Amino acid sequence: MRLPTTSWILVLAVLWSSTSFVRAESKLEEAAGLPEGLSKEIASVVDAKGQRVIDKSGAVCSVWLAKEVPTKANFKPTLNVKYPFAPGELLGVLQVQAKSKYTDFRGQEIKAGVYTLRYGQQPEDGNHVGTSDLADFLLAIPAAVDTDPKPIEKFDALSQRSAKTAGSTHPAIFSLLPSEKPVEKPTLTHNAAKEHTMLSTTISAKGGTKVALRMVVIGKSGE
């Protein structure tokens, strides 16, 4: 499933380079306990131990990952798709704590609140040139309208629900970038050139394997 060209663009992306560093005013701490506002069904499949991004003004956002997610059998990454997930899969939960100026990767402002994070892929068309070299994204959906952890298989339903996050016609998206191997513990890095703050972490896949995730939690596309 690919998202439609009429409604696009997601956090959690990360460009990793030797010049990346943790921004002085940002740090990462454990977020113990899930936020209020999740349905019982969603809460039951999400790990209660998350990660919180804090800057000099206080908590910015927090991320909790699903306890276990299915992956595509015999998946092989391509030039554009690096993650073995099916579009619509629930990967985690995002809590926005910043009171203002928090945006998705497209630059859309997202209000403080609780959102689910589902995997999606950017359409291959001229409308999205420059957004990202990769197709992997997370779509944020208000927890109030996403209560069932089952995959949202229909792309119209997925994109329309995500559009409610920013109150626009476009889904709220966060970019995902590839990671070579699972990290031992979550880390926060900053790409000064792109003004991206990235969370590198690991999600458990069914079958006992681990999938490394790199997500741009703060920052937007240069376009």
N, C-alpha and C. Protein backbone atom coordinates (compact mmCIF):
# COMPACT_ATOMS: atom_id res chain seq x y z
N MET A 1 0.83 -1.20 0.00
CA MET A 1 0.00 0.00 0.00
C MET A 1 0.86 1.24 0.00
N ARG A 2 0.56 2.17 -0.89
CA ARG A 2 1.29 3.42 -0.96
C ARG A 2 0.32 4.56 -0.65
N LEU A 3 0.80 5.58 0.02
CA LEU A 3 -0.07 6.70 0.32
C LEU A 3 -0.38 7.49 -0.93
N PRO A 4 -1.61 8.06 -1.04
CA PRO A 4 -2.01 8.76 -2.24
C PRO A 4 -1.25 10.06 -2.41
N THR A 5 -1.16 10.49 -3.66
CA THR A 5 -0.41 11.71 -3.95
C THR A 5 -1.12 12.95 -3.45
N THR A 6 -2.42 12.86 -3.20
CA THR A 6 -3.18 14.03 -2.77
C THR A 6 -3.08 14.31 -1.29
N SER A 7 -2.51 13.39 -0.56
CA SER A 7 -2.39 13.64 0.88
C SER A 7 -1.13 13.03 1.42
N TRP A 8 -0.10 13.86 1.56
CA TRP A 8 1.14 13.30 2.08
C TRP A 8 1.96 14.21 2.96
N ILE A 9 2.61 13.45 3.68
CA ILE A 9 3.95 13.54 4.26
C ILE A 9 4.15 13.31 5.75
N LEU A 10 5.69 12.43 7.41
CA LEU A 10 5.94 11.94 8.85
C LEU A 10 7.19 12.29 9.47
N VAL A 11 8.04 11.29 11.96
CA VAL A 11 9.09 11.61 12.54
C VAL A 11 9.76 10.60 12.80
N LEU A 12 10.07 10.47 12.68
CA LEU A 12 11.09 9.83 13.31
C LEU A 12 12.09 9.50 12.29
N ALA A 13 13.06 10.32 11.55
CA ALA A 13 14.01 10.13 10.47
C ALA A 13 15.33 10.56 10.98
N VAL A 14 16.31 10.08 10.35
CA VAL A 14 17.60 10.40 10.89
C VAL A 14 18.68 10.31 9.83
N LEU A 15 19.43 11.35 9.69
CA LEU A 15 20.61 11.28 8.84
C LEU A 15 21.81 11.12 9.77
N TRP A 16 22.55 10.07 9.52
CA TRP A 16 23.68 9.76 10.41
C TRP A 16 24.97 10.06 9.66
N SER A 17 25.86 10.82 10.29
CA SER A 17 27.15 11.11 9.67
C SER A 17 28.19 11.32 10.75
N SER A 18 29.44 11.37 10.36
CA SER A 18 30.51 11.54 11.34
C SER A 18 30.48 12.91 11.97
N THR A 19 29.73 13.84 11.37
CA THR A 19 29.65 15.18 11.94
C THR A 19 28.42 15.36 12.81
N SER A 20 27.59 14.30 12.96
CA SER A 20 26.41 14.40 13.81
C SER A 20 26.82 14.45 15.27
N PHE A 21 26.07 15.22 16.05
CA PHE A 21 26.36 15.30 17.47
C PHE A 21 25.10 15.63 18.24
N VAL A 22 25.09 15.37 19.53
CA VAL A 22 23.93 15.67 20.35
C VAL A 22 23.87 17.17 20.58
N ARG A 23 22.73 17.75 20.26
CA ARG A 23 22.59 19.18 20.45
C ARG A 23 22.70 19.51 21.93
N ALA A 24 23.43 20.55 22.25
CA ALA A 24 23.76 20.86 23.64
C ALA A 24 22.51 21.01 24.50
N GLU A 25 21.44 21.60 23.95
CA GLU A 25 20.27 21.85 24.77
C GLU A 25 19.27 20.69 24.76
N SER A 26 19.61 19.59 24.07
CA SER A 26 18.72 18.43 24.00
C SER A 26 19.34 17.23 24.71
N LYS A 27 18.49 16.46 25.36
CA LYS A 27 18.95 15.23 25.98
C LYS A 27 17.82 14.21 25.97
N LEU A 28 18.18 12.97 26.23
CA LEU A 28 17.24 11.86 26.18
C LEU A 28 17.12 11.24 27.57
N GLU A 29 15.89 10.97 27.99
CA GLU A 29 15.68 10.29 29.26
C GLU A 29 14.56 9.27 29.11
N GLU A 30 14.52 8.32 30.03
CA GLU A 30 13.49 7.29 29.98
C GLU A 30 12.13 7.88 30.34
N ALA A 31 11.11 7.47 29.59
CA ALA A 31 9.73 7.85 29.89
C ALA A 31 9.04 6.60 30.42
N ALA A 32 8.83 6.54 31.69
CA ALA A 32 8.25 5.36 32.33
C ALA A 32 6.74 5.50 32.39
N GLY A 33 6.03 4.54 31.81
CA GLY A 33 4.58 4.57 31.83
C GLY A 33 4.01 5.22 30.60
N LEU A 34 2.95 4.61 30.05
CA LEU A 34 2.32 5.14 28.85
C LEU A 34 1.50 6.39 29.16
N PRO A 35 1.34 7.27 28.18
CA PRO A 35 0.54 8.48 28.40
C PRO A 35 -0.95 8.15 28.45
N GLU A 36 -1.72 9.00 29.06
CA GLU A 36 -3.17 8.84 29.05
C GLU A 36 -3.72 9.18 27.68
N GLY A 37 -4.85 8.59 27.37
CA GLY A 37 -5.49 8.88 26.09
C GLY A 37 -5.44 7.75 25.09
N LEU A 38 -4.70 6.68 25.40
CA LEU A 38 -4.65 5.53 24.51
C LEU A 38 -5.80 4.57 24.81
N SER A 39 -6.31 3.90 23.80
CA SER A 39 -7.31 2.87 24.05
C SER A 39 -6.64 1.70 24.77
N LYS A 40 -7.41 0.89 25.44
CA LYS A 40 -6.86 -0.27 26.13
C LYS A 40 -6.18 -1.22 25.14
N GLU A 41 -6.75 -1.32 23.94
CA GLU A 41 -6.22 -2.23 22.93
C GLU A 41 -4.84 -1.76 22.44
N ILE A 42 -4.72 -0.47 22.19
CA ILE A 42 -3.43 0.07 21.76
C ILE A 42 -2.41 -0.04 22.90
N ALA A 43 -2.81 0.35 24.09
CA ALA A 43 -1.90 0.33 25.24
C ALA A 43 -1.37 -1.08 25.51
N SER A 44 -2.16 -2.09 25.22
CA SER A 44 -1.76 -3.46 25.53
C SER A 44 -0.62 -3.97 24.64
N VAL A 45 -0.41 -3.31 23.49
CA VAL A 45 0.62 -3.80 22.56
C VAL A 45 1.83 -2.86 22.48
N VAL A 46 1.84 -1.83 23.33
CA VAL A 46 2.94 -0.87 23.32
C VAL A 46 3.76 -1.00 24.60
N ASP A 47 5.07 -0.98 24.47
CA ASP A 47 5.98 -1.07 25.61
C ASP A 47 5.84 0.16 26.49
N ALA A 48 5.66 -0.05 27.79
CA ALA A 48 5.47 1.08 28.71
C ALA A 48 6.75 1.86 28.96
N LYS A 49 7.87 1.33 28.53
CA LYS A 49 9.15 2.03 28.67
C LYS A 49 9.47 2.76 27.37
N GLY A 50 9.46 4.09 27.44
CA GLY A 50 9.72 4.88 26.25
C GLY A 50 10.90 5.81 26.42
N GLN A 51 11.03 6.75 25.49
CA GLN A 51 12.13 7.71 25.51
C GLN A 51 11.57 9.12 25.37
N ARG A 52 12.07 10.03 26.17
CA ARG A 52 11.61 11.42 26.16
C ARG A 52 12.74 12.34 25.74
N VAL A 53 12.44 13.25 24.83
CA VAL A 53 13.40 14.25 24.37
C VAL A 53 13.14 15.54 25.15
N ILE A 54 14.21 16.06 25.76
CA ILE A 54 14.08 17.26 26.59
C ILE A 54 15.07 18.31 26.11
N ASP A 55 14.62 19.56 26.03
CA ASP A 55 15.55 20.64 25.74
C ASP A 55 15.54 21.63 26.89
N LYS A 56 16.15 22.80 26.69
CA LYS A 56 16.27 23.77 27.78
C LYS A 56 14.93 24.28 28.29
N SER A 57 13.87 24.11 27.46
CA SER A 57 12.54 24.57 27.87
C SER A 57 11.73 23.48 28.55
N GLY A 58 12.22 22.25 28.54
CA GLY A 58 11.50 21.14 29.13
C GLY A 58 11.25 20.02 28.14
N ALA A 59 10.27 19.16 28.43
CA ALA A 59 9.96 18.03 27.58
C ALA A 59 9.42 18.49 26.23
N VAL A 60 9.96 17.91 25.16
CA VAL A 60 9.52 18.24 23.80
C VAL A 60 8.56 17.17 23.28
N CYS A 61 9.00 15.92 23.32
CA CYS A 61 8.16 14.81 22.86
C CYS A 61 8.67 13.51 23.46
N SER A 62 7.81 12.50 23.43
CA SER A 62 8.18 11.18 23.93
C SER A 62 7.72 10.13 22.93
N VAL A 63 8.47 9.03 22.85
CA VAL A 63 8.16 7.96 21.92
C VAL A 63 8.17 6.62 22.64
N TRP A 64 7.12 5.83 22.41
CA TRP A 64 7.05 4.46 22.90
C TRP A 64 6.87 3.54 21.70
N LEU A 65 7.55 2.41 21.68
CA LEU A 65 7.46 1.49 20.55
C LEU A 65 6.57 0.30 20.86
N ALA A 66 6.01 -0.28 19.82
CA ALA A 66 5.22 -1.49 19.97
C ALA A 66 6.10 -2.60 20.54
N LYS A 67 5.50 -3.48 21.33
CA LYS A 67 6.26 -4.56 21.95
C LYS A 67 6.83 -5.51 20.91
N GLU A 68 6.07 -5.74 19.86
CA GLU A 68 6.49 -6.67 18.82
C GLU A 68 5.72 -6.36 17.54
N VAL A 69 6.40 -6.34 16.42
CA VAL A 69 5.73 -6.03 15.15
C VAL A 69 6.06 -7.09 14.11
N PRO A 70 5.13 -7.39 13.22
CA PRO A 70 5.42 -8.33 12.14
C PRO A 70 6.28 -7.66 11.08
N THR A 71 7.05 -8.45 10.37
CA THR A 71 7.86 -7.95 9.26
C THR A 71 7.59 -8.81 8.02
N LYS A 72 7.91 -8.25 6.87
CA LYS A 72 7.70 -8.97 5.62
C LYS A 72 8.69 -10.13 5.49
N ALA A 73 8.20 -11.27 5.08
CA ALA A 73 9.07 -12.43 4.88
C ALA A 73 10.00 -12.20 3.70
N ASN A 74 11.25 -12.60 3.86
CA ASN A 74 12.25 -12.51 2.79
C ASN A 74 12.41 -11.08 2.26
N PHE A 75 12.25 -10.11 3.15
CA PHE A 75 12.37 -8.71 2.74
C PHE A 75 13.81 -8.37 2.37
N LYS A 76 13.95 -7.64 1.27
CA LYS A 76 15.25 -7.14 0.86
C LYS A 76 15.13 -5.63 0.62
N PRO A 77 15.94 -4.82 1.29
CA PRO A 77 15.85 -3.37 1.11
C PRO A 77 16.17 -2.96 -0.31
N THR A 78 15.55 -1.87 -0.76
CA THR A 78 15.81 -1.30 -2.07
C THR A 78 16.46 0.06 -1.90
N LEU A 79 16.67 0.78 -2.97
CA LEU A 79 17.26 2.10 -2.88
C LEU A 79 16.37 3.06 -2.10
N ASN A 80 15.04 2.85 -2.16
CA ASN A 80 14.11 3.77 -1.53
C ASN A 80 13.44 3.25 -0.27
N VAL A 81 13.30 1.95 -0.15
CA VAL A 81 12.61 1.36 1.00
C VAL A 81 13.60 0.52 1.80
N LYS A 82 13.79 0.89 3.06
CA LYS A 82 14.79 0.22 3.90
C LYS A 82 14.17 -0.59 5.04
N TYR A 83 12.88 -0.42 5.29
CA TYR A 83 12.27 -1.06 6.44
C TYR A 83 11.31 -2.17 6.02
N PRO A 84 11.31 -3.29 6.76
CA PRO A 84 10.55 -4.49 6.37
C PRO A 84 9.11 -4.53 6.86
N PHE A 85 8.51 -3.36 7.06
CA PHE A 85 7.16 -3.30 7.60
C PHE A 85 6.12 -3.13 6.49
N ALA A 86 4.91 -3.58 6.76
CA ALA A 86 3.80 -3.36 5.83
C ALA A 86 3.16 -2.01 6.14
N PRO A 87 2.85 -1.20 5.13
CA PRO A 87 2.18 0.07 5.39
C PRO A 87 0.91 -0.13 6.20
N GLY A 88 0.74 0.75 7.18
CA GLY A 88 -0.42 0.67 8.06
C GLY A 88 -0.16 -0.01 9.38
N GLU A 89 1.03 -0.66 9.51
CA GLU A 89 1.35 -1.33 10.77
C GLU A 89 1.57 -0.31 11.90
N LEU A 90 1.09 -0.64 13.08
CA LEU A 90 1.32 0.17 14.27
C LEU A 90 2.74 -0.06 14.78
N LEU A 91 3.55 1.00 14.84
CA LEU A 91 4.91 0.86 15.32
C LEU A 91 5.13 1.49 16.69
N GLY A 92 4.24 2.38 17.10
CA GLY A 92 4.45 3.00 18.40
C GLY A 92 3.48 4.13 18.68
N VAL A 93 3.89 4.95 19.65
CA VAL A 93 3.06 6.06 20.14
C VAL A 93 3.95 7.28 20.31
N LEU A 94 3.42 8.43 19.97
CA LEU A 94 4.12 9.71 20.14
C LEU A 94 3.31 10.61 21.06
N GLN A 95 3.97 11.20 22.04
CA GLN A 95 3.33 12.24 22.85
C GLN A 95 4.07 13.55 22.60
N VAL A 96 3.33 14.54 22.12
CA VAL A 96 3.90 15.87 21.92
C VAL A 96 3.65 16.66 23.19
N GLN A 97 4.75 17.13 23.79
CA GLN A 97 4.63 17.89 25.04
C GLN A 97 4.97 19.36 24.85
N ALA A 98 5.67 19.67 23.76
CA ALA A 98 5.97 21.07 23.48
C ALA A 98 4.66 21.83 23.25
N LYS A 99 4.55 23.01 23.81
CA LYS A 99 3.30 23.77 23.73
C LYS A 99 3.12 24.44 22.38
N SER A 100 4.20 24.67 21.65
CA SER A 100 4.09 25.32 20.35
C SER A 100 5.33 25.05 19.51
N LYS A 101 5.20 25.28 18.21
CA LYS A 101 6.30 25.19 17.26
C LYS A 101 6.87 23.78 17.11
N TYR A 102 6.09 22.78 17.47
CA TYR A 102 6.51 21.41 17.19
C TYR A 102 5.87 20.99 15.87
N THR A 103 6.69 20.54 14.92
CA THR A 103 6.16 20.21 13.60
C THR A 103 6.51 18.79 13.18
N ASP A 104 5.80 18.34 12.16
CA ASP A 104 6.16 17.08 11.53
C ASP A 104 7.25 17.35 10.50
N PHE A 105 7.62 16.35 9.73
CA PHE A 105 8.72 16.50 8.77
C PHE A 105 8.35 17.42 7.61
N ARG A 106 7.07 17.63 7.43
CA ARG A 106 6.60 18.51 6.36
C ARG A 106 6.51 19.96 6.83
N GLY A 107 6.72 20.19 8.14
CA GLY A 107 6.63 21.53 8.67
C GLY A 107 5.25 21.89 9.19
N GLN A 108 4.35 20.94 9.27
CA GLN A 108 3.02 21.19 9.80
C GLN A 108 3.06 21.20 11.33
N GLU A 109 2.44 22.17 11.94
CA GLU A 109 2.47 22.25 13.40
C GLU A 109 1.57 21.18 14.00
N ILE A 110 2.07 20.53 15.04
CA ILE A 110 1.33 19.49 15.75
C ILE A 110 1.13 19.94 17.19
N LYS A 111 -0.10 19.96 17.62
CA LYS A 111 -0.42 20.42 18.96
C LYS A 111 -0.04 19.36 20.01
N ALA A 112 0.14 19.81 21.24
CA ALA A 112 0.41 18.89 22.34
C ALA A 112 -0.70 17.86 22.42
N GLY A 113 -0.33 16.60 22.59
CA GLY A 113 -1.31 15.53 22.64
C GLY A 113 -0.67 14.19 22.42
N VAL A 114 -1.49 13.16 22.27
CA VAL A 114 -1.03 11.78 22.12
C VAL A 114 -1.46 11.25 20.76
N TYR A 115 -0.51 10.60 20.07
CA TYR A 115 -0.75 10.12 18.71
C TYR A 115 -0.17 8.72 18.54
N THR A 116 -0.81 7.92 17.71
CA THR A 116 -0.23 6.64 17.33
C THR A 116 0.74 6.90 16.17
N LEU A 117 1.66 5.98 15.96
CA LEU A 117 2.62 6.07 14.86
C LEU A 117 2.51 4.81 14.02
N ARG A 118 2.16 4.99 12.75
CA ARG A 118 2.02 3.86 11.84
C ARG A 118 2.95 4.03 10.64
N TYR A 119 3.44 2.90 10.16
CA TYR A 119 4.38 2.92 9.04
C TYR A 119 3.67 3.23 7.73
N GLY A 120 4.34 4.04 6.89
CA GLY A 120 3.82 4.33 5.56
C GLY A 120 4.96 4.62 4.62
N GLN A 121 4.65 4.68 3.33
CA GLN A 121 5.66 4.94 2.32
C GLN A 121 5.27 6.13 1.46
N GLN A 122 6.24 6.99 1.21
CA GLN A 122 6.01 8.17 0.39
C GLN A 122 5.76 7.77 -1.06
N PRO A 123 4.77 8.38 -1.71
CA PRO A 123 4.49 8.05 -3.11
C PRO A 123 5.65 8.42 -4.02
N GLU A 124 5.82 7.67 -5.08
CA GLU A 124 6.86 7.97 -6.05
C GLU A 124 6.26 8.82 -7.16
N ASP A 125 6.19 10.13 -6.92
CA ASP A 125 5.66 11.04 -7.92
C ASP A 125 6.31 12.40 -7.77
N GLY A 126 6.04 13.27 -8.71
CA GLY A 126 6.67 14.59 -8.72
C GLY A 126 6.24 15.49 -7.59
N ASN A 127 5.12 15.18 -6.94
CA ASN A 127 4.63 16.04 -5.86
C ASN A 127 5.50 15.97 -4.62
N HIS A 128 6.36 14.95 -4.52
CA HIS A 128 7.12 14.75 -3.30
C HIS A 128 8.63 14.76 -3.52
N VAL A 129 9.04 15.25 -4.66
CA VAL A 129 10.47 15.37 -4.94
C VAL A 129 11.11 16.33 -3.93
N GLY A 130 12.21 15.88 -3.30
CA GLY A 130 12.91 16.73 -2.34
C GLY A 130 12.51 16.52 -0.90
N THR A 131 11.37 15.85 -0.67
CA THR A 131 10.95 15.60 0.70
C THR A 131 11.93 14.68 1.41
N SER A 132 12.30 13.61 0.74
CA SER A 132 13.26 12.66 1.28
C SER A 132 13.76 11.77 0.16
N ASP A 133 15.00 11.32 0.26
CA ASP A 133 15.53 10.37 -0.72
C ASP A 133 14.94 8.98 -0.50
N LEU A 134 14.38 8.74 0.68
CA LEU A 134 13.82 7.45 1.03
C LEU A 134 12.31 7.53 1.17
N ALA A 135 11.66 6.38 1.03
CA ALA A 135 10.20 6.33 1.06
C ALA A 135 9.65 6.01 2.44
N ASP A 136 10.50 5.63 3.39
CA ASP A 136 10.04 5.19 4.71
C ASP A 136 9.65 6.37 5.59
N PHE A 137 8.43 6.32 6.14
CA PHE A 137 7.95 7.35 7.05
C PHE A 137 7.07 6.75 8.13
N LEU A 138 6.84 7.52 9.17
CA LEU A 138 5.83 7.20 10.18
C LEU A 138 4.73 8.25 10.06
N LEU A 139 3.50 7.81 10.17
CA LEU A 139 2.36 8.72 10.15
C LEU A 139 1.77 8.82 11.54
N ALA A 140 1.58 10.03 12.00
CA ALA A 140 0.99 10.26 13.32
C ALA A 140 -0.52 10.42 13.19
N ILE A 141 -1.26 9.73 14.05
CA ILE A 141 -2.73 9.78 14.06
C ILE A 141 -3.19 10.08 15.48
N PRO A 142 -4.13 11.00 15.67
CA PRO A 142 -4.63 11.26 17.02
C PRO A 142 -5.12 9.97 17.67
N ALA A 143 -4.68 9.73 18.91
CA ALA A 143 -5.04 8.49 19.60
C ALA A 143 -6.54 8.32 19.73
N ALA A 144 -7.27 9.41 19.75
CA ALA A 144 -8.72 9.35 19.91
C ALA A 144 -9.41 8.70 18.71
N VAL A 145 -8.77 8.76 17.53
CA VAL A 145 -9.40 8.18 16.34
C VAL A 145 -8.66 6.94 15.85
N ASP A 146 -7.69 6.47 16.62
CA ASP A 146 -6.95 5.26 16.27
C ASP A 146 -6.91 4.36 17.49
N THR A 147 -7.88 3.50 17.62
CA THR A 147 -8.05 2.72 18.85
C THR A 147 -7.81 1.22 18.66
N ASP A 148 -7.65 0.77 17.43
CA ASP A 148 -7.46 -0.65 17.14
C ASP A 148 -6.04 -0.87 16.62
N PRO A 149 -5.25 -1.73 17.27
CA PRO A 149 -3.86 -1.93 16.85
C PRO A 149 -3.69 -2.66 15.53
N LYS A 150 -4.76 -3.21 14.97
CA LYS A 150 -4.64 -3.92 13.70
C LYS A 150 -4.18 -2.96 12.60
N PRO A 151 -3.48 -3.47 11.58
CA PRO A 151 -3.02 -2.60 10.50
C PRO A 151 -4.17 -1.86 9.83
N ILE A 152 -3.93 -0.62 9.47
CA ILE A 152 -4.89 0.15 8.67
C ILE A 152 -4.50 -0.07 7.22
N GLU A 153 -5.12 -1.01 6.57
CA GLU A 153 -4.67 -1.46 5.26
C GLU A 153 -5.08 -0.53 4.12
N LYS A 154 -6.21 0.15 4.26
CA LYS A 154 -6.67 1.03 3.19
C LYS A 154 -5.95 2.37 3.29
N PHE A 155 -5.25 2.77 2.21
CA PHE A 155 -4.43 3.97 2.27
C PHE A 155 -5.25 5.23 2.47
N ASP A 156 -6.48 5.25 1.98
CA ASP A 156 -7.32 6.43 2.19
C ASP A 156 -7.61 6.63 3.67
N ALA A 157 -7.96 5.55 4.35
CA ALA A 157 -8.25 5.63 5.78
C ALA A 157 -7.02 6.05 6.57
N LEU A 158 -5.87 5.50 6.22
CA LEU A 158 -4.63 5.82 6.91
C LEU A 158 -4.26 7.30 6.75
N SER A 159 -4.28 7.78 5.54
CA SER A 159 -3.87 9.16 5.28
C SER A 159 -4.89 10.16 5.80
N GLN A 160 -6.17 9.85 5.69
CA GLN A 160 -7.20 10.77 6.16
C GLN A 160 -7.18 10.89 7.69
N ARG A 161 -6.95 9.79 8.38
CA ARG A 161 -6.86 9.87 9.84
C ARG A 161 -5.63 10.65 10.27
N SER A 162 -4.53 10.45 9.58
CA SER A 162 -3.31 11.16 9.94
C SER A 162 -3.44 12.66 9.67
N ALA A 163 -4.19 13.03 8.66
CA ALA A 163 -4.38 14.45 8.34
C ALA A 163 -5.05 15.20 9.49
N LYS A 164 -5.79 14.48 10.33
CA LYS A 164 -6.44 15.11 11.49
C LYS A 164 -5.41 15.61 12.50
N THR A 165 -4.21 15.07 12.47
CA THR A 165 -3.17 15.45 13.42
C THR A 165 -2.81 16.92 13.30
N ALA A 166 -2.68 17.39 12.08
CA ALA A 166 -2.31 18.78 11.84
C ALA A 166 -3.51 19.62 11.39
N GLY A 167 -4.68 18.99 11.31
CA GLY A 167 -5.85 19.72 10.88
C GLY A 167 -5.73 20.21 9.45
N SER A 168 -5.16 19.38 8.57
CA SER A 168 -4.94 19.79 7.18
C SER A 168 -5.39 18.67 6.26
N THR A 169 -5.08 18.81 4.99
CA THR A 169 -5.39 17.76 4.03
C THR A 169 -4.24 16.79 3.85
N HIS A 170 -3.12 17.04 4.54
CA HIS A 170 -1.94 16.20 4.40
C HIS A 170 -1.69 15.40 5.68
N PRO A 171 -1.30 14.14 5.56
CA PRO A 171 -0.92 13.35 6.74
C PRO A 171 0.24 14.02 7.48
N ALA A 172 0.33 13.77 8.77
CA ALA A 172 1.45 14.25 9.57
C ALA A 172 2.51 13.16 9.56
N ILE A 173 3.70 13.48 9.07
CA ILE A 173 4.70 12.44 8.85
C ILE A 173 6.00 12.74 9.57
N PHE A 174 6.73 11.66 9.86
CA PHE A 174 8.07 11.72 10.43
C PHE A 174 8.96 10.79 9.62
N SER A 175 10.10 11.28 9.20
CA SER A 175 10.98 10.54 8.30
C SER A 175 11.79 9.47 9.04
N LEU A 176 11.93 8.34 8.39
CA LEU A 176 12.75 7.23 8.88
C LEU A 176 13.94 7.06 7.95
N LEU A 177 15.11 6.89 8.53
CA LEU A 177 16.30 6.62 7.73
C LEU A 177 16.94 5.32 8.19
N PRO A 178 17.70 4.69 7.33
CA PRO A 178 18.23 3.35 7.64
C PRO A 178 19.27 3.36 8.74
N SER A 179 19.35 2.22 9.41
CA SER A 179 20.37 2.01 10.44
C SER A 179 21.01 0.67 10.16
N GLU A 180 22.33 0.60 10.29
CA GLU A 180 23.05 -0.61 9.93
C GLU A 180 22.77 -1.79 10.86
N LYS A 181 22.61 -1.52 12.16
CA LYS A 181 22.37 -2.60 13.10
C LYS A 181 21.67 -2.04 14.34
N PRO A 182 20.94 -2.90 15.08
CA PRO A 182 20.26 -2.44 16.29
C PRO A 182 21.24 -1.86 17.30
N VAL A 183 20.83 -0.79 17.96
CA VAL A 183 21.68 -0.16 18.97
C VAL A 183 21.45 -0.82 20.32
N GLU A 184 22.48 -0.78 21.18
CA GLU A 184 22.36 -1.38 22.50
C GLU A 184 21.42 -0.57 23.39
N LYS A 185 21.42 0.73 23.22
CA LYS A 185 20.51 1.57 23.97
C LYS A 185 20.14 2.79 23.12
N PRO A 186 18.96 3.37 23.34
CA PRO A 186 18.53 4.52 22.55
C PRO A 186 19.51 5.68 22.69
N THR A 187 19.75 6.38 21.57
CA THR A 187 20.65 7.52 21.59
C THR A 187 20.02 8.68 20.81
N LEU A 188 20.45 9.88 21.14
CA LEU A 188 19.96 11.09 20.50
C LEU A 188 21.14 11.78 19.83
N THR A 189 20.99 12.12 18.55
CA THR A 189 22.03 12.82 17.82
C THR A 189 21.43 14.00 17.08
N HIS A 190 22.31 14.89 16.62
CA HIS A 190 21.84 16.09 15.93
C HIS A 190 22.67 16.33 14.68
N ASN A 191 21.99 16.57 13.57
CA ASN A 191 22.64 16.92 12.33
C ASN A 191 22.53 18.43 12.17
N ALA A 192 23.62 19.13 12.40
CA ALA A 192 23.60 20.59 12.42
C ALA A 192 23.24 21.17 11.06
N ALA A 193 23.72 20.56 9.99
CA ALA A 193 23.48 21.09 8.66
C ALA A 193 22.00 21.07 8.30
N LYS A 194 21.31 20.02 8.68
CA LYS A 194 19.89 19.88 8.36
C LYS A 194 18.97 20.31 9.51
N GLU A 195 19.56 20.58 10.67
CA GLU A 195 18.78 20.94 11.86
C GLU A 195 17.79 19.83 12.20
N HIS A 196 18.28 18.59 12.16
CA HIS A 196 17.49 17.43 12.51
C HIS A 196 18.00 16.83 13.82
N THR A 197 17.09 16.55 14.74
CA THR A 197 17.43 15.78 15.93
C THR A 197 16.86 14.39 15.74
N MET A 198 17.72 13.37 15.92
CA MET A 198 17.33 12.02 15.59
C MET A 198 17.39 11.08 16.79
N LEU A 199 16.42 10.21 16.85
CA LEU A 199 16.38 9.16 17.85
C LEU A 199 16.73 7.84 17.18
N SER A 200 17.80 7.21 17.65
CA SER A 200 18.17 5.88 17.18
C SER A 200 17.77 4.87 18.25
N THR A 201 16.99 3.87 17.87
CA THR A 201 16.51 2.91 18.84
C THR A 201 16.27 1.57 18.14
N THR A 202 15.66 0.62 18.84
CA THR A 202 15.46 -0.73 18.30
C THR A 202 14.05 -1.20 18.63
N ILE A 203 13.40 -1.82 17.65
CA ILE A 203 12.06 -2.37 17.86
C ILE A 203 12.13 -3.89 17.68
N SER A 204 11.35 -4.60 18.48
CA SER A 204 11.34 -6.06 18.41
C SER A 204 10.38 -6.53 17.32
N ALA A 205 10.84 -7.48 16.52
CA ALA A 205 10.02 -8.06 15.46
C ALA A 205 9.63 -9.48 15.85
N LYS A 206 8.54 -9.95 15.30
CA LYS A 206 8.10 -11.30 15.57
C LYS A 206 9.14 -12.29 15.07
N GLY A 207 9.36 -13.33 15.85
CA GLY A 207 10.38 -14.30 15.51
C GLY A 207 11.67 -14.09 16.28
N GLY A 208 11.66 -13.07 17.16
CA GLY A 208 12.80 -12.84 18.02
C GLY A 208 13.88 -11.96 17.44
N THR A 209 13.66 -11.39 16.27
CA THR A 209 14.67 -10.51 15.67
C THR A 209 14.47 -9.06 16.11
N LYS A 210 15.44 -8.24 15.82
CA LYS A 210 15.39 -6.83 16.16
C LYS A 210 15.56 -6.00 14.89
N VAL A 211 14.87 -4.87 14.84
CA VAL A 211 14.99 -3.96 13.72
C VAL A 211 15.42 -2.60 14.25
N ALA A 212 16.52 -2.09 13.73
CA ALA A 212 17.01 -0.78 14.16
C ALA A 212 16.17 0.32 13.49
N LEU A 213 15.83 1.33 14.28
CA LEU A 213 15.06 2.47 13.77
C LEU A 213 15.84 3.75 13.97
N ARG A 214 15.83 4.61 12.96
CA ARG A 214 16.35 5.97 13.10
C ARG A 214 15.24 6.91 12.69
N MET A 215 14.90 7.80 13.59
CA MET A 215 13.75 8.64 13.37
C MET A 215 14.10 10.10 13.62
N VAL A 216 13.66 10.97 12.71
CA VAL A 216 13.83 12.39 12.94
C VAL A 216 12.70 12.83 13.85
N VAL A 217 13.01 13.07 15.11
CA VAL A 217 11.97 13.46 16.05
C VAL A 217 11.76 14.96 16.08
N ILE A 218 12.79 15.71 15.69
CA ILE A 218 12.68 17.17 15.60
C ILE A 218 13.36 17.59 14.30
N GLY A 219 12.64 18.32 13.47
CA GLY A 219 13.22 18.80 12.22
C GLY A 219 12.28 18.57 11.06
N LYS A 220 12.56 19.23 9.95
CA LYS A 220 11.70 19.10 8.79
C LYS A 220 12.51 19.07 7.52
N SER A 221 11.84 18.72 6.43
CA SER A 221 12.47 18.66 5.14
C SER A 221 12.97 20.04 4.73
N GLY A 222 14.05 20.05 3.96
CA GLY A 222 14.59 21.32 3.51
C GLY A 222 13.77 21.98 2.42
N GLU A 223 12.81 21.22 1.86
CA GLU A 223 11.98 21.77 0.78
C GLU A 223 10.86 22.62 1.36
